[in-house]
Amino acid sequence: MLSALEAREVSAWIEPARGERALRVLSDPRLRVTRVGSPDARTRRQFAEHFGAVAFDDMRRLAIETPSVLWIDRNAPLDEMDRAALVDENIAIVAGACTLSFLLALPQVETAPSFRRMAAGNAVLGIAEAFGAVEVLQSTVSVGNADLVNEGLRTAAAAALAVLGPIDLVTAFGARAGTLTASVVGARGFGTLAVATGVEGACFALVGDGGIASVTSSGISWKRKDGVVVEEERLEADGVEPIVRTILEAEKPEPDERARTSREAHGARRGRLAIDDAHRRMRLRIAALADTLRLSIRTGQPESVDSMLQTFGLDPVDLLPRD
């Protein structure tokens, strides 16, 4: 168990276009970068020299040499060859762009950044609990460039699932120049999702029994139907980079249960497994919604999230939140 003052050892696979962001994340003093890899020789050299780390030009070799946590920072979802390179490694993997098939192949994978780790995301979750029935949710995410659209889509999808509950029907309005829009039908209401490029930020608007509430990256505004202000507040910057927090939370899978002999340790593990299982189900639902939206863009037709899940042999009911 790491002490609060001990830096966590991590490895990182970085695409050249993500270099500046990766440098910011990995420079956090709570992280100790010992291995870095990239398909680009210049990126490998720069990061290896900066962190005094060992450089790798192959993701498979980097995964084999990684003792605990591997962060994969790239633009596009990982493909079949990537999964084959990682599926047998006993490490925690943090990936910025994941498809449903990748998450299924690697049950120890975490996705990052997370809607629930954002200040605005936490505010939306808090409002949704007290808001009453939601008729419409508008989820708009703006990312810095087209390379980040997949991450923005996952954030918008997570917000929709958190507020609207289970979602099946998805209709994409189209995608152009890195921008996409879609409508979704949830168990608790109707939603629109939009992801665009420009200034980084997010805006979530709820309309329904609670009146109208708007949450942006910088503040909250919530008024009841009679115009009475329920909440108006500025939001502080997230402060902690969501990617860093995810890396810090990632852990190597536990040893065989036979090594645990005390009843207290067993009970604690059961509790953590329940939490981990809930997080995994949510990650699968988010990935399925994002993948279904991409499918709708390709087909130009409404598409079913449940059908997407069933294609992978998953029962949509098994992925629902459990009380």
C-alpha atoms as a PDB file:
ATOM      1  CA  MET A   1       0.000   0.000   0.000  1.00  0.00           C
ATOM      2  CA  LEU A   2       1.447   3.346  -1.012  1.00  0.00           C
ATOM      3  CA  SER A   3       1.830   6.052   1.604  1.00  0.00           C
ATOM      4  CA  ALA A   4       0.321   9.481   0.972  1.00  0.00           C
ATOM      5  CA  LEU A   5       3.786  10.862   0.244  1.00  0.00           C
ATOM      6  CA  GLU A   6       4.957   8.104  -2.071  1.00  0.00           C
ATOM      7  CA  ALA A   7       4.676   8.671  -5.818  1.00  0.00           C
ATOM      8  CA  ARG A   8       2.940   5.998  -7.854  1.00  0.00           C
ATOM      9  CA  GLU A   9       5.062   4.326 -10.511  1.00  0.00           C
ATOM     10  CA  VAL A  10       3.430   4.448 -13.947  1.00  0.00           C
ATOM     11  CA  SER A  11       4.211   3.718 -17.563  1.00  0.00           C
ATOM     12  CA  ALA A  12       2.769   5.753 -20.441  1.00  0.00           C
ATOM     13  CA  TRP A  13       2.143   5.183 -24.151  1.00  0.00           C
ATOM     14  CA  ILE A  14       1.769   8.558 -25.860  1.00  0.00           C
ATOM     15  CA  GLU A  15       0.759   9.594 -29.341  1.00  0.00           C
ATOM     16  CA  PRO A  16       2.691  12.585 -30.761  1.00  0.00           C
ATOM     17  CA  ALA A  17      -0.400  14.790 -31.072  1.00  0.00           C
ATOM     18  CA  ARG A  18      -1.012  14.368 -27.330  1.00  0.00           C
ATOM     19  CA  GLY A  19       2.486  15.273 -26.212  1.00  0.00           C
ATOM     20  CA  GLU A  20       1.757  18.623 -24.559  1.00  0.00           C
ATOM     21  CA  ARG A  21      -1.195  17.274 -22.590  1.00  0.00           C
ATOM     22  CA  ALA A  22       0.668  14.127 -21.626  1.00  0.00           C
ATOM     23  CA  LEU A  23       3.605  16.166 -20.316  1.00  0.00           C
ATOM     24  CA  ARG A  24       1.253  18.200 -18.112  1.00  0.00           C
ATOM     25  CA  VAL A  25      -0.390  15.090 -16.694  1.00  0.00           C
ATOM     26  CA  LEU A  26       2.757  13.061 -16.139  1.00  0.00           C
ATOM     27  CA  SER A  27       4.606  15.955 -14.483  1.00  0.00           C
ATOM     28  CA  ASP A  28       2.326  15.651 -11.454  1.00  0.00           C
ATOM     29  CA  PRO A  29       4.614  15.032  -8.428  1.00  0.00           C
ATOM     30  CA  ARG A  30       2.368  12.172  -7.292  1.00  0.00           C
ATOM     31  CA  LEU A  31       3.443  10.171 -10.340  1.00  0.00           C
ATOM     32  CA  ARG A  32       6.815   8.581 -11.027  1.00  0.00           C
ATOM     33  CA  VAL A  33       7.209   7.841 -14.738  1.00  0.00           C
ATOM     34  CA  THR A  34       9.660   4.993 -15.256  1.00  0.00           C
ATOM     35  CA  ARG A  35       8.750   3.825 -18.781  1.00  0.00           C
ATOM     36  CA  VAL A  36       7.447   5.742 -21.781  1.00  0.00           C
ATOM     37  CA  GLY A  37       6.516   4.635 -25.267  1.00  0.00           C
ATOM     38  CA  SER A  38       5.354   6.235 -28.493  1.00  0.00           C
ATOM     39  CA  PRO A  39       5.111   5.378 -32.185  1.00  0.00           C
ATOM     40  CA  ASP A  40       7.108   8.574 -32.800  1.00  0.00           C
ATOM     41  CA  ALA A  41      10.869   8.505 -32.186  1.00  0.00           C
ATOM     42  CA  ARG A  42      11.104  12.194 -31.270  1.00  0.00           C
ATOM     43  CA  THR A  43       8.290  11.902 -28.705  1.00  0.00           C
ATOM     44  CA  ARG A  44       9.922   8.842 -27.168  1.00  0.00           C
ATOM     45  CA  ARG A  45      13.249  10.606 -26.862  1.00  0.00           C
ATOM     46  CA  GLN A  46      11.807  13.808 -25.390  1.00  0.00           C
ATOM     47  CA  PHE A  47       9.771  12.027 -22.727  1.00  0.00           C
ATOM     48  CA  ALA A  48      12.508   9.566 -21.859  1.00  0.00           C
ATOM     49  CA  GLU A  49      14.981  12.409 -21.337  1.00  0.00           C
ATOM     50  CA  HIS A  50      12.520  14.579 -19.421  1.00  0.00           C
ATOM     51  CA  PHE A  51      11.536  11.870 -16.932  1.00  0.00           C
ATOM     52  CA  GLY A  52      14.711   9.819 -16.959  1.00  0.00           C
ATOM     53  CA  ALA A  53      12.575   6.919 -18.143  1.00  0.00           C
ATOM     54  CA  VAL A  54      13.201   3.893 -20.335  1.00  0.00           C
ATOM     55  CA  ALA A  55      11.893   4.380 -23.902  1.00  0.00           C
ATOM     56  CA  PHE A  56       9.829   1.812 -25.830  1.00  0.00           C
ATOM     57  CA  ASP A  57       8.744   1.745 -29.462  1.00  0.00           C
ATOM     58  CA  ASP A  58       6.321  -1.160 -29.035  1.00  0.00           C
ATOM     59  CA  MET A  59       3.171  -1.137 -26.896  1.00  0.00           C
ATOM     60  CA  ARG A  60       3.344  -4.884 -26.290  1.00  0.00           C
ATOM     61  CA  ARG A  61       6.862  -4.690 -24.872  1.00  0.00           C
ATOM     62  CA  LEU A  62       5.922  -1.681 -22.749  1.00  0.00           C
ATOM     63  CA  ALA A  63       2.956  -3.578 -21.297  1.00  0.00           C
ATOM     64  CA  ILE A  64       5.113  -6.612 -20.489  1.00  0.00           C
ATOM     65  CA  GLU A  65       7.673  -4.460 -18.673  1.00  0.00           C
ATOM     66  CA  THR A  66       5.063  -2.420 -16.761  1.00  0.00           C
ATOM     67  CA  PRO A  67       4.789  -3.502 -13.104  1.00  0.00           C
ATOM     68  CA  SER A  68       1.455  -1.923 -12.159  1.00  0.00           C
ATOM     69  CA  VAL A  69      -0.249   0.847 -14.158  1.00  0.00           C
ATOM     70  CA  LEU A  70      -0.095   1.717 -17.857  1.00  0.00           C
ATOM     71  CA  TRP A  71      -1.638   4.926 -19.178  1.00  0.00           C
ATOM     72  CA  ILE A  72      -2.448   4.895 -22.886  1.00  0.00           C
ATOM     73  CA  ASP A  73      -3.017   8.411 -24.232  1.00  0.00           C
ATOM     74  CA  ARG A  74      -4.080   8.379 -27.860  1.00  0.00           C
ATOM     75  CA  ASN A  75      -6.685   9.916 -30.132  1.00  0.00           C
ATOM     76  CA  ALA A  76      -8.595   6.927 -31.494  1.00  0.00           C
ATOM     77  CA  PRO A  77     -10.096   3.882 -29.775  1.00  0.00           C
ATOM     78  CA  LEU A  78      -7.702   0.964 -29.500  1.00  0.00           C
ATOM     79  CA  ASP A  79      -8.081  -1.691 -32.182  1.00  0.00           C
ATOM     80  CA  GLU A  80      -7.871  -5.488 -32.350  1.00  0.00           C
ATOM     81  CA  MET A  81      -4.069  -5.578 -32.394  1.00  0.00           C
ATOM     82  CA  ASP A  82      -3.926  -3.296 -29.361  1.00  0.00           C
ATOM     83  CA  ARG A  83      -6.262  -5.557 -27.421  1.00  0.00           C
ATOM     84  CA  ALA A  84      -4.199  -8.599 -28.326  1.00  0.00           C
ATOM     85  CA  ALA A  85      -1.115  -6.828 -26.963  1.00  0.00           C
ATOM     86  CA  LEU A  86      -2.698  -6.000 -23.624  1.00  0.00           C
ATOM     87  CA  VAL A  87      -5.265  -8.648 -22.771  1.00  0.00           C
ATOM     88  CA  ASP A  88      -2.822 -11.033 -21.081  1.00  0.00           C
ATOM     89  CA  GLU A  89      -0.994  -8.468 -18.958  1.00  0.00           C
ATOM     90  CA  ASN A  90      -1.667  -8.414 -15.215  1.00  0.00           C
ATOM     91  CA  ILE A  91      -1.691  -4.625 -14.961  1.00  0.00           C
ATOM     92  CA  ALA A  92      -4.203  -1.834 -14.532  1.00  0.00           C
ATOM     93  CA  ILE A  93      -4.735   0.007 -17.807  1.00  0.00           C
ATOM     94  CA  VAL A  94      -5.988   3.577 -18.046  1.00  0.00           C
ATOM     95  CA  ALA A  95      -7.080   4.490 -21.574  1.00  0.00           C
ATOM     96  CA  GLY A  96      -8.391   7.786 -22.879  1.00  0.00           C
ATOM     97  CA  ALA A  97     -10.308   6.355 -25.829  1.00  0.00           C
ATOM     98  CA  CYS A  98     -12.025   2.985 -25.520  1.00  0.00           C
ATOM     99  CA  THR A  99     -14.645   1.052 -27.459  1.00  0.00           C
ATOM    100  CA  LEU A 100     -17.059  -1.459 -25.991  1.00  0.00           C
ATOM    101  CA  SER A 101     -15.063  -4.355 -27.426  1.00  0.00           C
ATOM    102  CA  PHE A 102     -11.863  -3.071 -25.776  1.00  0.00           C
ATOM    103  CA  LEU A 103     -13.517  -2.781 -22.376  1.00  0.00           C
ATOM    104  CA  LEU A 104     -14.844  -6.325 -22.702  1.00  0.00           C
ATOM    105  CA  ALA A 105     -11.428  -7.677 -23.616  1.00  0.00           C
ATOM    106  CA  LEU A 106      -9.755  -5.922 -20.659  1.00  0.00           C
ATOM    107  CA  PRO A 107     -11.894  -6.015 -17.514  1.00  0.00           C
ATOM    108  CA  GLN A 108      -9.190  -4.198 -15.522  1.00  0.00           C
ATOM    109  CA  VAL A 109      -9.286  -1.144 -17.809  1.00  0.00           C
ATOM    110  CA  GLU A 110     -10.317   2.323 -16.588  1.00  0.00           C
ATOM    111  CA  THR A 111     -11.471   5.081 -18.909  1.00  0.00           C
ATOM    112  CA  ALA A 112     -10.389   8.676 -18.459  1.00  0.00           C
ATOM    113  CA  PRO A 113     -11.314  11.417 -18.084  1.00  0.00           C
ATOM    114  CA  SER A 114     -14.596  10.743 -16.308  1.00  0.00           C
ATOM    115  CA  PHE A 115     -17.788  12.801 -16.171  1.00  0.00           C
ATOM    116  CA  ARG A 116     -18.107  11.879 -12.507  1.00  0.00           C
ATOM    117  CA  ARG A 117     -14.646  13.298 -11.759  1.00  0.00           C
ATOM    118  CA  MET A 118     -15.454  16.716 -13.229  1.00  0.00           C
ATOM    119  CA  ALA A 119     -16.651  19.531 -10.948  1.00  0.00           C
ATOM    120  CA  ALA A 120     -19.520  20.152 -13.378  1.00  0.00           C
ATOM    121  CA  GLY A 121     -20.318  16.438 -13.473  1.00  0.00           C
ATOM    122  CA  ASN A 122     -20.564  16.221  -9.704  1.00  0.00           C
ATOM    123  CA  ALA A 123     -22.838  19.277  -9.710  1.00  0.00           C
ATOM    124  CA  VAL A 124     -25.148  17.687 -12.307  1.00  0.00           C
ATOM    125  CA  LEU A 125     -25.368  14.485 -10.264  1.00  0.00           C
ATOM    126  CA  GLY A 126     -26.267  16.448  -7.139  1.00  0.00           C
ATOM    127  CA  ILE A 127     -28.952  18.476  -8.901  1.00  0.00           C
ATOM    128  CA  ALA A 128     -30.450  15.414 -10.598  1.00  0.00           C
ATOM    129  CA  GLU A 129     -31.032  13.766  -7.208  1.00  0.00           C
ATOM    130  CA  ALA A 130     -33.248  16.640  -6.027  1.00  0.00           C
ATOM    131  CA  PHE A 131     -34.657  17.849  -9.357  1.00  0.00           C
ATOM    132  CA  GLY A 132     -37.596  15.508  -9.790  1.00  0.00           C
ATOM    133  CA  ALA A 133     -38.683  14.248 -13.197  1.00  0.00           C
ATOM    134  CA  VAL A 134     -36.480  15.463 -16.063  1.00  0.00           C
ATOM    135  CA  GLU A 135     -38.279  16.112 -19.339  1.00  0.00           C
ATOM    136  CA  VAL A 136     -35.271  17.228 -21.361  1.00  0.00           C
ATOM    137  CA  LEU A 137     -31.514  17.075 -20.888  1.00  0.00           C
ATOM    138  CA  GLN A 138     -29.144  19.011 -23.111  1.00  0.00           C
ATOM    139  CA  SER A 139     -25.562  17.807 -22.855  1.00  0.00           C
ATOM    140  CA  THR A 140     -22.992  19.878 -24.755  1.00  0.00           C
ATOM    141  CA  VAL A 141     -19.256  19.257 -24.584  1.00  0.00           C
ATOM    142  CA  SER A 142     -16.609  21.307 -26.355  1.00  0.00           C
ATOM    143  CA  VAL A 143     -13.111  19.885 -26.740  1.00  0.00           C
ATOM    144  CA  GLY A 144      -9.864  21.558 -27.734  1.00  0.00           C
ATOM    145  CA  ASN A 145      -9.466  19.836 -31.100  1.00  0.00           C
ATOM    146  CA  ALA A 146     -10.873  17.061 -33.279  1.00  0.00           C
ATOM    147  CA  ASP A 147      -8.499  14.533 -31.703  1.00  0.00           C
ATOM    148  CA  LEU A 148     -10.460  14.786 -28.444  1.00  0.00           C
ATOM    149  CA  VAL A 149     -13.955  14.233 -29.882  1.00  0.00           C
ATOM    150  CA  ASN A 150     -14.108  10.620 -28.668  1.00  0.00           C
ATOM    151  CA  GLU A 151     -13.425  11.747 -25.116  1.00  0.00           C
ATOM    152  CA  GLY A 152     -16.031  14.486 -25.400  1.00  0.00           C
ATOM    153  CA  LEU A 153     -18.551  11.963 -26.689  1.00  0.00           C
ATOM    154  CA  ARG A 154     -17.954   9.690 -23.724  1.00  0.00           C
ATOM    155  CA  THR A 155     -18.445  12.610 -21.313  1.00  0.00           C
ATOM    156  CA  ALA A 156     -21.729  13.616 -22.984  1.00  0.00           C
ATOM    157  CA  ALA A 157     -22.901   9.992 -22.960  1.00  0.00           C
ATOM    158  CA  ALA A 158     -22.069   9.595 -19.262  1.00  0.00           C
ATOM    159  CA  ALA A 159     -24.089  12.705 -18.418  1.00  0.00           C
ATOM    160  CA  ALA A 160     -27.096  11.416 -20.364  1.00  0.00           C
ATOM    161  CA  LEU A 161     -27.007   8.032 -18.631  1.00  0.00           C
ATOM    162  CA  ALA A 162     -26.595   9.606 -15.190  1.00  0.00           C
ATOM    163  CA  VAL A 163     -29.602  11.910 -15.613  1.00  0.00           C
ATOM    164  CA  LEU A 164     -31.919   9.989 -17.955  1.00  0.00           C
ATOM    165  CA  GLY A 165     -31.261   6.453 -16.794  1.00  0.00           C
ATOM    166  CA  PRO A 166     -31.055   3.510 -19.219  1.00  0.00           C
ATOM    167  CA  ILE A 167     -30.995   4.599 -22.881  1.00  0.00           C
ATOM    168  CA  ASP A 168     -31.848   2.439 -25.881  1.00  0.00           C
ATOM    169  CA  LEU A 169     -32.775   4.495 -28.946  1.00  0.00           C
ATOM    170  CA  VAL A 170     -30.106   6.777 -30.415  1.00  0.00           C
ATOM    171  CA  THR A 171     -30.509   8.989 -33.478  1.00  0.00           C
ATOM    172  CA  ALA A 172     -27.499  10.871 -34.812  1.00  0.00           C
ATOM    173  CA  PHE A 173     -28.210  14.077 -36.678  1.00  0.00           C
ATOM    174  CA  GLY A 174     -24.834  13.969 -38.349  1.00  0.00           C
ATOM    175  CA  ALA A 175     -21.144  14.640 -37.981  1.00  0.00           C
ATOM    176  CA  ARG A 176     -19.147  17.347 -39.709  1.00  0.00           C
ATOM    177  CA  ALA A 177     -15.622  18.640 -39.163  1.00  0.00           C
ATOM    178  CA  GLY A 178     -15.267  16.910 -35.821  1.00  0.00           C
ATOM    179  CA  THR A 179     -18.715  17.990 -34.579  1.00  0.00           C
ATOM    180  CA  LEU A 180     -21.573  15.580 -33.882  1.00  0.00           C
ATOM    181  CA  THR A 181     -25.118  15.845 -32.540  1.00  0.00           C
ATOM    182  CA  ALA A 182     -27.697  13.249 -31.573  1.00  0.00           C
ATOM    183  CA  SER A 183     -30.923  12.638 -29.710  1.00  0.00           C
ATOM    184  CA  VAL A 184     -31.423   9.898 -27.135  1.00  0.00           C
ATOM    185  CA  VAL A 185     -34.500   8.456 -25.439  1.00  0.00           C
ATOM    186  CA  GLY A 186     -33.954   7.490 -21.809  1.00  0.00           C
ATOM    187  CA  ALA A 187     -36.127   5.817 -19.212  1.00  0.00           C
ATOM    188  CA  ARG A 188     -36.581   9.167 -17.436  1.00  0.00           C
ATOM    189  CA  GLY A 189     -36.697  11.631 -20.325  1.00  0.00           C
ATOM    190  CA  PHE A 190     -35.455  12.855 -23.672  1.00  0.00           C
ATOM    191  CA  GLY A 191     -31.970  14.161 -24.333  1.00  0.00           C
ATOM    192  CA  THR A 192     -29.805  15.845 -26.933  1.00  0.00           C
ATOM    193  CA  LEU A 193     -26.055  15.341 -27.070  1.00  0.00           C
ATOM    194  CA  ALA A 194     -23.626  17.616 -28.869  1.00  0.00           C
ATOM    195  CA  VAL A 195     -19.853  17.435 -29.101  1.00  0.00           C
ATOM    196  CA  ALA A 196     -17.899  20.166 -30.837  1.00  0.00           C
ATOM    197  CA  THR A 197     -14.383  21.515 -31.107  1.00  0.00           C
ATOM    198  CA  GLY A 198     -13.257  24.929 -29.904  1.00  0.00           C
ATOM    199  CA  VAL A 199     -12.730  26.232 -26.387  1.00  0.00           C
ATOM    200  CA  GLU A 200     -12.677  23.368 -23.881  1.00  0.00           C
ATOM    201  CA  GLY A 201     -15.769  23.351 -21.697  1.00  0.00           C
ATOM    202  CA  ALA A 202     -19.123  21.734 -21.013  1.00  0.00           C
ATOM    203  CA  CYS A 203     -22.744  22.760 -20.468  1.00  0.00           C
ATOM    204  CA  PHE A 204     -25.539  20.587 -19.105  1.00  0.00           C
ATOM    205  CA  ALA A 205     -29.145  21.836 -18.956  1.00  0.00           C
ATOM    206  CA  LEU A 206     -32.051  20.084 -17.214  1.00  0.00           C
ATOM    207  CA  VAL A 207     -35.694  21.009 -17.785  1.00  0.00           C
ATOM    208  CA  GLY A 208     -38.563  19.391 -15.880  1.00  0.00           C
ATOM    209  CA  ASP A 209     -40.351  19.272 -12.549  1.00  0.00           C
ATOM    210  CA  GLY A 210     -37.512  21.106 -10.847  1.00  0.00           C
ATOM    211  CA  GLY A 211     -37.698  24.036 -13.272  1.00  0.00           C
ATOM    212  CA  ILE A 212     -34.570  24.691 -15.281  1.00  0.00           C
ATOM    213  CA  ALA A 213     -30.997  24.096 -14.195  1.00  0.00           C
ATOM    214  CA  SER A 214     -27.847  24.915 -16.106  1.00  0.00           C
ATOM    215  CA  VAL A 215     -24.399  23.665 -15.152  1.00  0.00           C
ATOM    216  CA  THR A 216     -21.310  24.841 -17.001  1.00  0.00           C
ATOM    217  CA  SER A 217     -17.633  24.361 -16.348  1.00  0.00           C
ATOM    218  CA  SER A 218     -17.676  27.626 -14.393  1.00  0.00           C
ATOM    219  CA  GLY A 219     -20.997  27.734 -12.548  1.00  0.00           C
ATOM    220  CA  ILE A 220     -24.487  26.547 -11.591  1.00  0.00           C
ATOM    221  CA  SER A 221     -27.826  28.295 -12.145  1.00  0.00           C
ATOM    222  CA  TRP A 222     -31.035  26.582 -11.004  1.00  0.00           C
ATOM    223  CA  LYS A 223     -34.488  28.170 -10.871  1.00  0.00           C
ATOM    224  CA  ARG A 224     -37.810  26.561 -10.038  1.00  0.00           C
ATOM    225  CA  LYS A 225     -40.813  26.913 -12.343  1.00  0.00           C
ATOM    226  CA  ASP A 226     -42.055  29.863 -10.277  1.00  0.00           C
ATOM    227  CA  GLY A 227     -38.771  31.692 -10.857  1.00  0.00           C
ATOM    228  CA  VAL A 228     -37.411  31.233  -7.351  1.00  0.00           C
ATOM    229  CA  VAL A 229     -33.664  30.678  -7.364  1.00  0.00           C
ATOM    230  CA  VAL A 230     -32.706  27.322  -5.873  1.00  0.00           C
ATOM    231  CA  GLU A 231     -28.973  27.614  -6.449  1.00  0.00           C
ATOM    232  CA  GLU A 232     -26.528  29.996  -8.057  1.00  0.00           C
ATOM    233  CA  GLU A 233     -22.890  29.264  -7.541  1.00  0.00           C
ATOM    234  CA  ARG A 234     -19.515  29.543  -9.205  1.00  0.00           C
ATOM    235  CA  LEU A 235     -17.578  26.343  -9.696  1.00  0.00           C
ATOM    236  CA  GLU A 236     -13.913  26.234  -8.951  1.00  0.00           C
ATOM    237  CA  ALA A 237     -11.618  24.712 -11.553  1.00  0.00           C
ATOM    238  CA  ASP A 238     -11.328  20.954 -11.210  1.00  0.00           C
ATOM    239  CA  GLY A 239      -7.835  21.487  -9.829  1.00  0.00           C
ATOM    240  CA  VAL A 240      -6.803  17.849 -10.075  1.00  0.00           C
ATOM    241  CA  GLU A 241      -6.346  16.672 -13.651  1.00  0.00           C
ATOM    242  CA  PRO A 242      -8.980  13.924 -14.169  1.00  0.00           C
ATOM    243  CA  ILE A 243      -6.444  11.719 -15.942  1.00  0.00           C
ATOM    244  CA  VAL A 244      -4.053  11.962 -12.989  1.00  0.00           C
ATOM    245  CA  ARG A 245      -6.786  11.064 -10.534  1.00  0.00           C
ATOM    246  CA  THR A 246      -7.710   8.035 -12.607  1.00  0.00           C
ATOM    247  CA  ILE A 247      -4.105   6.868 -12.738  1.00  0.00           C
ATOM    248  CA  LEU A 248      -3.809   7.262  -8.983  1.00  0.00           C
ATOM    249  CA  GLU A 249      -6.975   5.222  -8.443  1.00  0.00           C
ATOM    250  CA  ALA A 250      -5.948   2.425 -10.808  1.00  0.00           C
ATOM    251  CA  GLU A 251      -4.593  -0.640  -9.045  1.00  0.00           C
ATOM    252  CA  LYS A 252      -3.049  -3.911 -10.061  1.00  0.00           C
ATOM    253  CA  PRO A 253      -5.580  -6.781  -9.762  1.00  0.00           C
ATOM    254  CA  GLU A 254      -5.624  -8.423  -6.348  1.00  0.00           C
ATOM    255  CA  PRO A 255      -3.699 -11.671  -5.727  1.00  0.00           C
ATOM    256  CA  ASP A 256      -5.540 -14.974  -5.470  1.00  0.00           C
ATOM    257  CA  GLU A 257      -8.257 -14.931  -2.831  1.00  0.00           C
ATOM    258  CA  ARG A 258      -6.572 -17.819  -1.039  1.00  0.00           C
ATOM    259  CA  ALA A 259      -3.912 -15.371   0.109  1.00  0.00           C
ATOM    260  CA  ARG A 260      -6.557 -13.503   2.108  1.00  0.00           C
ATOM    261  CA  THR A 261      -7.213 -15.261   5.382  1.00  0.00           C
ATOM    262  CA  SER A 262      -8.882 -12.734   7.665  1.00  0.00           C
ATOM    263  CA  ARG A 263     -12.644 -12.244   7.657  1.00  0.00           C
ATOM    264  CA  GLU A 264     -12.197  -8.456   7.740  1.00  0.00           C
ATOM    265  CA  ALA A 265     -10.011  -8.455   4.649  1.00  0.00           C
ATOM    266  CA  HIS A 266     -12.459 -10.705   2.854  1.00  0.00           C
ATOM    267  CA  GLY A 267     -15.372  -8.405   3.726  1.00  0.00           C
ATOM    268  CA  ALA A 268     -13.458  -5.329   2.587  1.00  0.00           C
ATOM    269  CA  ARG A 269     -12.609  -7.029  -0.697  1.00  0.00           C
ATOM    270  CA  ARG A 270     -16.245  -7.986  -1.274  1.00  0.00           C
ATOM    271  CA  GLY A 271     -17.269  -4.381  -0.728  1.00  0.00           C
ATOM    272  CA  ARG A 272     -14.630  -3.098  -3.122  1.00  0.00           C
ATOM    273  CA  LEU A 273     -15.518  -5.721  -5.712  1.00  0.00           C
ATOM    274  CA  ALA A 274     -19.128  -4.515  -5.585  1.00  0.00           C
ATOM    275  CA  ILE A 275     -17.984  -0.940  -6.223  1.00  0.00           C
ATOM    276  CA  ASP A 276     -15.623  -2.036  -8.977  1.00  0.00           C
ATOM    277  CA  ASP A 277     -18.416  -4.066 -10.601  1.00  0.00           C
ATOM    278  CA  ALA A 278     -20.748  -1.067 -10.561  1.00  0.00           C
ATOM    279  CA  HIS A 279     -18.054   1.100 -12.156  1.00  0.00           C
ATOM    280  CA  ARG A 280     -17.386  -1.553 -14.791  1.00  0.00           C
ATOM    281  CA  ARG A 281     -21.090  -1.812 -15.665  1.00  0.00           C
ATOM    282  CA  MET A 282     -21.262   1.962 -16.030  1.00  0.00           C
ATOM    283  CA  ARG A 283     -18.159   2.043 -18.239  1.00  0.00           C
ATOM    284  CA  LEU A 284     -19.715  -0.619 -20.486  1.00  0.00           C
ATOM    285  CA  ARG A 285     -22.992   1.315 -20.744  1.00  0.00           C
ATOM    286  CA  ILE A 286     -21.162   4.534 -21.621  1.00  0.00           C
ATOM    287  CA  ALA A 287     -19.057   2.783 -24.262  1.00  0.00           C
ATOM    288  CA  ALA A 288     -22.125   1.072 -25.726  1.00  0.00           C
ATOM    289  CA  LEU A 289     -23.988   4.389 -26.002  1.00  0.00           C
ATOM    290  CA  ALA A 290     -20.986   6.063 -27.647  1.00  0.00           C
ATOM    291  CA  ASP A 291     -20.492   3.155 -30.072  1.00  0.00           C
ATOM    292  CA  THR A 292     -24.195   3.130 -30.958  1.00  0.00           C
ATOM    293  CA  LEU A 293     -24.096   6.847 -31.684  1.00  0.00           C
ATOM    294  CA  ARG A 294     -21.125   6.323 -34.008  1.00  0.00           C
ATOM    295  CA  LEU A 295     -23.074   3.524 -35.713  1.00  0.00           C
ATOM    296  CA  SER A 296     -26.059   5.823 -36.211  1.00  0.00           C
ATOM    297  CA  ILE A 297     -23.766   8.387 -37.822  1.00  0.00           C
ATOM    298  CA  ARG A 298     -22.583   5.738 -40.282  1.00  0.00           C
ATOM    299  CA  THR A 299     -26.025   4.301 -41.104  1.00  0.00           C
ATOM    300  CA  GLY A 300     -28.043   7.525 -40.982  1.00  0.00           C
ATOM    301  CA  GLN A 301     -30.735   5.605 -39.063  1.00  0.00           C
ATOM    302  CA  PRO A 302     -31.862   5.344 -35.438  1.00  0.00           C
ATOM    303  CA  GLU A 303     -29.935   2.585 -33.682  1.00  0.00           C
ATOM    304  CA  SER A 304     -30.501   0.529 -30.532  1.00  0.00           C
ATOM    305  CA  VAL A 305     -28.033   0.447 -27.647  1.00  0.00           C
ATOM    306  CA  ASP A 306     -29.576  -2.805 -26.425  1.00  0.00           C
ATOM    307  CA  SER A 307     -28.953  -4.392 -29.818  1.00  0.00           C
ATOM    308  CA  MET A 308     -25.362  -3.197 -29.694  1.00  0.00           C
ATOM    309  CA  LEU A 309     -24.888  -4.842 -26.300  1.00  0.00           C
ATOM    310  CA  GLN A 310     -26.550  -8.067 -27.428  1.00  0.00           C
ATOM    311  CA  THR A 311     -24.193  -8.190 -30.412  1.00  0.00           C
ATOM    312  CA  PHE A 312     -21.377  -8.582 -27.884  1.00  0.00           C
ATOM    313  CA  GLY A 313     -23.257 -11.232 -25.916  1.00  0.00           C
ATOM    314  CA  LEU A 314     -24.296  -8.853 -23.119  1.00  0.00           C
ATOM    315  CA  ASP A 315     -27.727  -8.750 -21.497  1.00  0.00           C
ATOM    316  CA  PRO A 316     -28.671  -5.052 -21.178  1.00  0.00           C
ATOM    317  CA  VAL A 317     -30.573  -5.833 -17.974  1.00  0.00           C
ATOM    318  CA  ASP A 318     -27.389  -7.163 -16.335  1.00  0.00           C
ATOM    319  CA  LEU A 319     -25.714  -3.763 -16.833  1.00  0.00           C
ATOM    320  CA  LEU A 320     -28.411  -1.709 -15.115  1.00  0.00           C
ATOM    321  CA  PRO A 321     -27.599  -0.018 -11.785  1.00  0.00           C
ATOM    322  CA  ARG A 322     -28.341  -2.225  -8.757  1.00  0.00           C
ATOM    323  CA  ASP A 323     -29.762  -1.035  -5.504  1.00  0.00           C
END
